[in-house]
Amino acid sequence: TAPLHGFADAQDYYRRASSRYFLGQIRTPTLIIQAADDPFVFRHSLPEASELSASTQLELQAKGGHVGFVDGSLKHPGYYLERRIPQWLAGLDRHG
């Protein structure tokens, strides 16, 4: 799809469109949650700690798929992001 949107190829797309190159400049507290088993995001494409600003936190979860983070059972599913994001925001209130 890269050429359809004005990019020469996949490498050109990732070089020009990736947010990775801006993560070190983030000043607003930011939480990035990523699943290690995401079939569309490869481990080598995730930022290293040295690429993150002091206000950016990366949580790499073992499971979660691409947009899932669903746990529990079919009858009683749980949604990790619905629990984790409010917890993280509450921590911001305590730590100012």
N, C-alpha and C. Protein backbone atom coordinates (compact mmCIF):
# COMPACT_ATOMS: atom_id res chain seq x y z
N THR A 1 0.81 -1.22 0.00
CA THR A 1 0.00 0.00 0.00
C THR A 1 0.84 1.27 0.00
N ALA A 2 2.12 1.15 0.34
CA ALA A 2 2.96 2.34 0.41
C ALA A 2 2.97 3.15 -0.88
N PRO A 3 3.20 2.53 -2.05
CA PRO A 3 3.20 3.31 -3.29
C PRO A 3 1.87 4.00 -3.60
N LEU A 4 0.78 3.40 -3.18
CA LEU A 4 -0.54 4.02 -3.40
C LEU A 4 -0.69 5.34 -2.65
N HIS A 5 0.13 5.52 -1.62
CA HIS A 5 0.03 6.71 -0.79
C HIS A 5 1.25 7.61 -0.89
N GLY A 6 1.98 7.49 -1.99
CA GLY A 6 3.07 8.41 -2.26
C GLY A 6 4.43 8.02 -1.72
N PHE A 7 4.58 6.80 -1.23
CA PHE A 7 5.86 6.33 -0.72
C PHE A 7 6.50 5.42 -1.75
N ALA A 8 7.80 5.43 -1.84
CA ALA A 8 8.50 4.61 -2.83
C ALA A 8 8.33 3.12 -2.54
N ASP A 9 8.44 2.75 -1.27
CA ASP A 9 8.33 1.35 -0.88
C ASP A 9 8.11 1.30 0.63
N ALA A 10 8.11 0.09 1.20
CA ALA A 10 7.87 -0.06 2.64
C ALA A 10 8.94 0.65 3.48
N GLN A 11 10.19 0.55 3.06
CA GLN A 11 11.26 1.21 3.82
C GLN A 11 11.07 2.72 3.83
N ASP A 12 10.69 3.28 2.70
CA ASP A 12 10.43 4.72 2.61
C ASP A 12 9.27 5.11 3.53
N TYR A 13 8.24 4.30 3.52
CA TYR A 13 7.09 4.57 4.40
C TYR A 13 7.51 4.60 5.86
N TYR A 14 8.20 3.56 6.30
CA TYR A 14 8.58 3.49 7.71
C TYR A 14 9.56 4.60 8.08
N ARG A 15 10.43 4.98 7.18
CA ARG A 15 11.39 6.05 7.46
C ARG A 15 10.67 7.39 7.61
N ARG A 16 9.69 7.65 6.74
CA ARG A 16 9.03 8.95 6.72
C ARG A 16 7.80 9.06 7.59
N ALA A 17 7.12 7.95 7.89
CA ALA A 17 5.84 8.02 8.59
C ALA A 17 5.88 7.50 10.03
N SER A 18 6.96 6.92 10.44
CA SER A 18 7.03 6.32 11.77
C SER A 18 7.09 7.39 12.87
N SER A 19 6.34 7.16 13.93
CA SER A 19 6.39 8.05 15.09
C SER A 19 7.63 7.78 15.94
N ARG A 20 8.30 6.68 15.67
CA ARG A 20 9.47 6.29 16.46
C ARG A 20 10.49 7.41 16.59
N TYR A 21 10.67 8.17 15.54
CA TYR A 21 11.69 9.22 15.52
C TYR A 21 11.33 10.43 16.38
N PHE A 22 10.11 10.48 16.90
CA PHE A 22 9.65 11.61 17.70
C PHE A 22 9.45 11.25 19.17
N LEU A 23 9.57 9.99 19.53
CA LEU A 23 9.29 9.55 20.89
C LEU A 23 10.20 10.21 21.93
N GLY A 24 11.41 10.51 21.57
CA GLY A 24 12.34 11.14 22.49
C GLY A 24 12.01 12.60 22.78
N GLN A 25 11.10 13.19 22.01
CA GLN A 25 10.75 14.59 22.19
C GLN A 25 9.43 14.79 22.95
N ILE A 26 8.76 13.71 23.32
CA ILE A 26 7.48 13.82 24.03
C ILE A 26 7.71 14.38 25.42
N ARG A 27 6.95 15.38 25.78
CA ARG A 27 7.05 15.99 27.11
C ARG A 27 5.81 15.72 27.96
N THR A 28 4.71 15.41 27.34
CA THR A 28 3.48 15.08 28.05
C THR A 28 3.57 13.63 28.51
N PRO A 29 3.21 13.32 29.76
CA PRO A 29 3.25 11.93 30.20
C PRO A 29 2.47 11.03 29.22
N THR A 30 3.13 9.97 28.76
CA THR A 30 2.58 9.12 27.73
C THR A 30 2.82 7.66 28.07
N LEU A 31 1.80 6.84 27.89
CA LEU A 31 1.90 5.40 28.09
C LEU A 31 1.69 4.72 26.74
N ILE A 32 2.65 3.91 26.34
CA ILE A 32 2.55 3.11 25.12
C ILE A 32 2.39 1.66 25.56
N ILE A 33 1.30 1.04 25.15
CA ILE A 33 1.06 -0.37 25.48
C ILE A 33 1.12 -1.16 24.19
N GLN A 34 1.96 -2.19 24.17
CA GLN A 34 2.15 -2.99 22.97
C GLN A 34 2.18 -4.46 23.36
N ALA A 35 1.64 -5.31 22.51
CA ALA A 35 1.67 -6.75 22.74
C ALA A 35 2.83 -7.38 21.97
N ALA A 36 3.57 -8.24 22.64
CA ALA A 36 4.68 -8.93 21.99
C ALA A 36 4.19 -9.89 20.91
N ASP A 37 2.94 -10.36 21.02
CA ASP A 37 2.41 -11.29 20.02
C ASP A 37 1.59 -10.61 18.94
N ASP A 38 1.74 -9.31 18.78
CA ASP A 38 1.04 -8.57 17.72
C ASP A 38 1.58 -9.05 16.37
N PRO A 39 0.73 -9.63 15.52
CA PRO A 39 1.24 -10.16 14.25
C PRO A 39 1.63 -9.08 13.23
N PHE A 40 1.30 -7.82 13.49
CA PHE A 40 1.60 -6.76 12.54
C PHE A 40 2.75 -5.86 13.00
N VAL A 41 3.18 -6.00 14.24
CA VAL A 41 4.27 -5.16 14.77
C VAL A 41 5.38 -6.10 15.23
N PHE A 42 6.50 -6.02 14.56
CA PHE A 42 7.62 -6.91 14.87
C PHE A 42 8.45 -6.33 16.01
N ARG A 43 9.04 -7.20 16.80
CA ARG A 43 9.83 -6.79 17.97
C ARG A 43 10.93 -5.81 17.58
N HIS A 44 11.58 -6.02 16.44
CA HIS A 44 12.67 -5.13 16.03
C HIS A 44 12.17 -3.71 15.69
N SER A 45 10.87 -3.56 15.49
CA SER A 45 10.34 -2.23 15.16
C SER A 45 9.93 -1.45 16.40
N LEU A 46 9.98 -2.07 17.56
CA LEU A 46 9.62 -1.36 18.80
C LEU A 46 10.78 -0.50 19.26
N PRO A 47 10.48 0.64 19.87
CA PRO A 47 11.56 1.52 20.31
C PRO A 47 12.34 0.93 21.48
N GLU A 48 13.60 1.26 21.52
CA GLU A 48 14.45 0.91 22.66
C GLU A 48 14.24 1.96 23.74
N ALA A 49 14.55 1.62 24.98
CA ALA A 49 14.38 2.56 26.09
C ALA A 49 15.13 3.86 25.84
N SER A 50 16.27 3.80 25.19
CA SER A 50 17.07 5.00 24.93
C SER A 50 16.39 5.95 23.94
N GLU A 51 15.39 5.47 23.21
CA GLU A 51 14.67 6.31 22.24
C GLU A 51 13.49 7.04 22.87
N LEU A 52 13.13 6.67 24.09
CA LEU A 52 11.96 7.26 24.76
C LEU A 52 12.36 8.45 25.61
N SER A 53 11.49 9.42 25.68
CA SER A 53 11.73 10.54 26.58
C SER A 53 11.47 10.08 28.01
N ALA A 54 11.89 10.87 28.97
CA ALA A 54 11.67 10.53 30.38
C ALA A 54 10.19 10.49 30.73
N SER A 55 9.35 11.14 29.96
CA SER A 55 7.91 11.17 30.25
C SER A 55 7.14 10.08 29.49
N THR A 56 7.85 9.21 28.78
CA THR A 56 7.19 8.17 28.00
C THR A 56 7.51 6.80 28.59
N GLN A 57 6.48 6.02 28.80
CA GLN A 57 6.61 4.68 29.37
C GLN A 57 6.09 3.66 28.36
N LEU A 58 6.90 2.65 28.04
CA LEU A 58 6.50 1.58 27.14
C LEU A 58 6.25 0.33 27.97
N GLU A 59 5.06 -0.23 27.85
CA GLU A 59 4.73 -1.50 28.48
C GLU A 59 4.56 -2.54 27.39
N LEU A 60 5.41 -3.54 27.38
CA LEU A 60 5.33 -4.62 26.41
C LEU A 60 4.69 -5.81 27.09
N GLN A 61 3.48 -6.13 26.71
CA GLN A 61 2.73 -7.25 27.28
C GLN A 61 3.00 -8.50 26.45
N ALA A 62 3.06 -9.65 27.09
CA ALA A 62 3.32 -10.90 26.39
C ALA A 62 2.22 -11.23 25.39
N LYS A 63 0.99 -10.98 25.78
CA LYS A 63 -0.16 -11.31 24.92
C LYS A 63 -1.04 -10.10 24.75
N GLY A 64 -1.81 -10.11 23.69
CA GLY A 64 -2.72 -9.01 23.44
C GLY A 64 -3.09 -8.89 21.98
N GLY A 65 -2.30 -9.53 21.13
CA GLY A 65 -2.59 -9.48 19.71
C GLY A 65 -2.42 -8.09 19.14
N HIS A 66 -3.15 -7.80 18.08
CA HIS A 66 -3.00 -6.50 17.42
C HIS A 66 -3.81 -5.41 18.11
N VAL A 67 -5.05 -5.66 18.42
CA VAL A 67 -5.86 -4.65 19.13
C VAL A 67 -6.70 -5.31 20.22
N GLY A 68 -6.27 -6.45 20.70
CA GLY A 68 -7.08 -7.25 21.60
C GLY A 68 -6.97 -6.92 23.07
N PHE A 69 -5.97 -7.47 23.71
CA PHE A 69 -5.81 -7.38 25.15
C PHE A 69 -7.07 -7.87 25.87
N VAL A 70 -7.70 -8.90 25.29
CA VAL A 70 -8.89 -9.49 25.90
C VAL A 70 -8.45 -10.70 26.69
N ASP A 71 -8.94 -10.80 27.93
CA ASP A 71 -8.63 -11.97 28.75
C ASP A 71 -9.94 -12.54 29.29
N GLY A 72 -9.84 -13.49 30.19
CA GLY A 72 -11.04 -14.11 30.73
C GLY A 72 -11.55 -15.19 29.79
N SER A 73 -12.87 -15.32 29.74
CA SER A 73 -13.49 -16.35 28.91
C SER A 73 -14.52 -15.71 27.98
N LEU A 74 -15.10 -16.54 27.09
CA LEU A 74 -16.13 -16.02 26.21
C LEU A 74 -17.34 -15.52 26.99
N LYS A 75 -17.68 -16.22 28.07
CA LYS A 75 -18.82 -15.81 28.89
C LYS A 75 -18.50 -14.59 29.75
N HIS A 76 -17.26 -14.50 30.17
CA HIS A 76 -16.85 -13.41 31.07
C HIS A 76 -15.53 -12.80 30.58
N PRO A 77 -15.58 -12.09 29.46
CA PRO A 77 -14.33 -11.50 28.96
C PRO A 77 -13.87 -10.35 29.84
N GLY A 78 -12.57 -10.15 29.86
CA GLY A 78 -11.99 -9.01 30.54
C GLY A 78 -11.23 -8.18 29.52
N TYR A 79 -11.14 -6.91 29.80
CA TYR A 79 -10.50 -6.01 28.85
C TYR A 79 -9.37 -5.26 29.57
N TYR A 80 -8.15 -5.70 29.32
CA TYR A 80 -6.98 -5.18 30.01
C TYR A 80 -6.86 -3.67 29.89
N LEU A 81 -7.06 -3.13 28.70
CA LEU A 81 -6.89 -1.69 28.51
C LEU A 81 -7.89 -0.89 29.34
N GLU A 82 -9.10 -1.41 29.51
CA GLU A 82 -10.11 -0.73 30.33
C GLU A 82 -9.70 -0.68 31.80
N ARG A 83 -8.84 -1.60 32.22
CA ARG A 83 -8.34 -1.58 33.59
C ARG A 83 -7.05 -0.78 33.69
N ARG A 84 -6.14 -0.97 32.74
CA ARG A 84 -4.80 -0.39 32.83
C ARG A 84 -4.78 1.12 32.62
N ILE A 85 -5.50 1.61 31.66
CA ILE A 85 -5.45 3.05 31.36
C ILE A 85 -5.95 3.89 32.53
N PRO A 86 -7.12 3.59 33.13
CA PRO A 86 -7.53 4.38 34.31
C PRO A 86 -6.55 4.26 35.47
N GLN A 87 -5.96 3.08 35.63
CA GLN A 87 -4.96 2.89 36.69
C GLN A 87 -3.76 3.81 36.45
N TRP A 88 -3.29 3.86 35.21
CA TRP A 88 -2.15 4.72 34.87
C TRP A 88 -2.50 6.19 35.06
N LEU A 89 -3.69 6.60 34.61
CA LEU A 89 -4.11 7.99 34.79
C LEU A 89 -4.23 8.36 36.26
N ALA A 90 -4.72 7.46 37.07
CA ALA A 90 -4.82 7.71 38.51
C ALA A 90 -3.44 7.91 39.12
N GLY A 91 -2.45 7.18 38.62
CA GLY A 91 -1.08 7.35 39.08
C GLY A 91 -0.53 8.71 38.73
N LEU A 92 -0.94 9.28 37.62
CA LEU A 92 -0.52 10.63 37.25
C LEU A 92 -1.05 11.65 38.24
N ASP A 93 -2.28 11.47 38.69
CA ASP A 93 -2.87 12.38 39.67
C ASP A 93 -2.08 12.35 40.97
N ARG A 94 -1.62 11.18 41.38
CA ARG A 94 -0.87 11.05 42.65
C ARG A 94 0.54 11.60 42.54
N HIS A 95 1.12 11.50 41.36
CA HIS A 95 2.51 11.89 41.19
C HIS A 95 2.69 13.21 40.48
N GLY A 96 1.56 13.88 40.22
CA GLY A 96 1.54 15.21 39.69
C GLY A 96 2.09 15.48 38.38
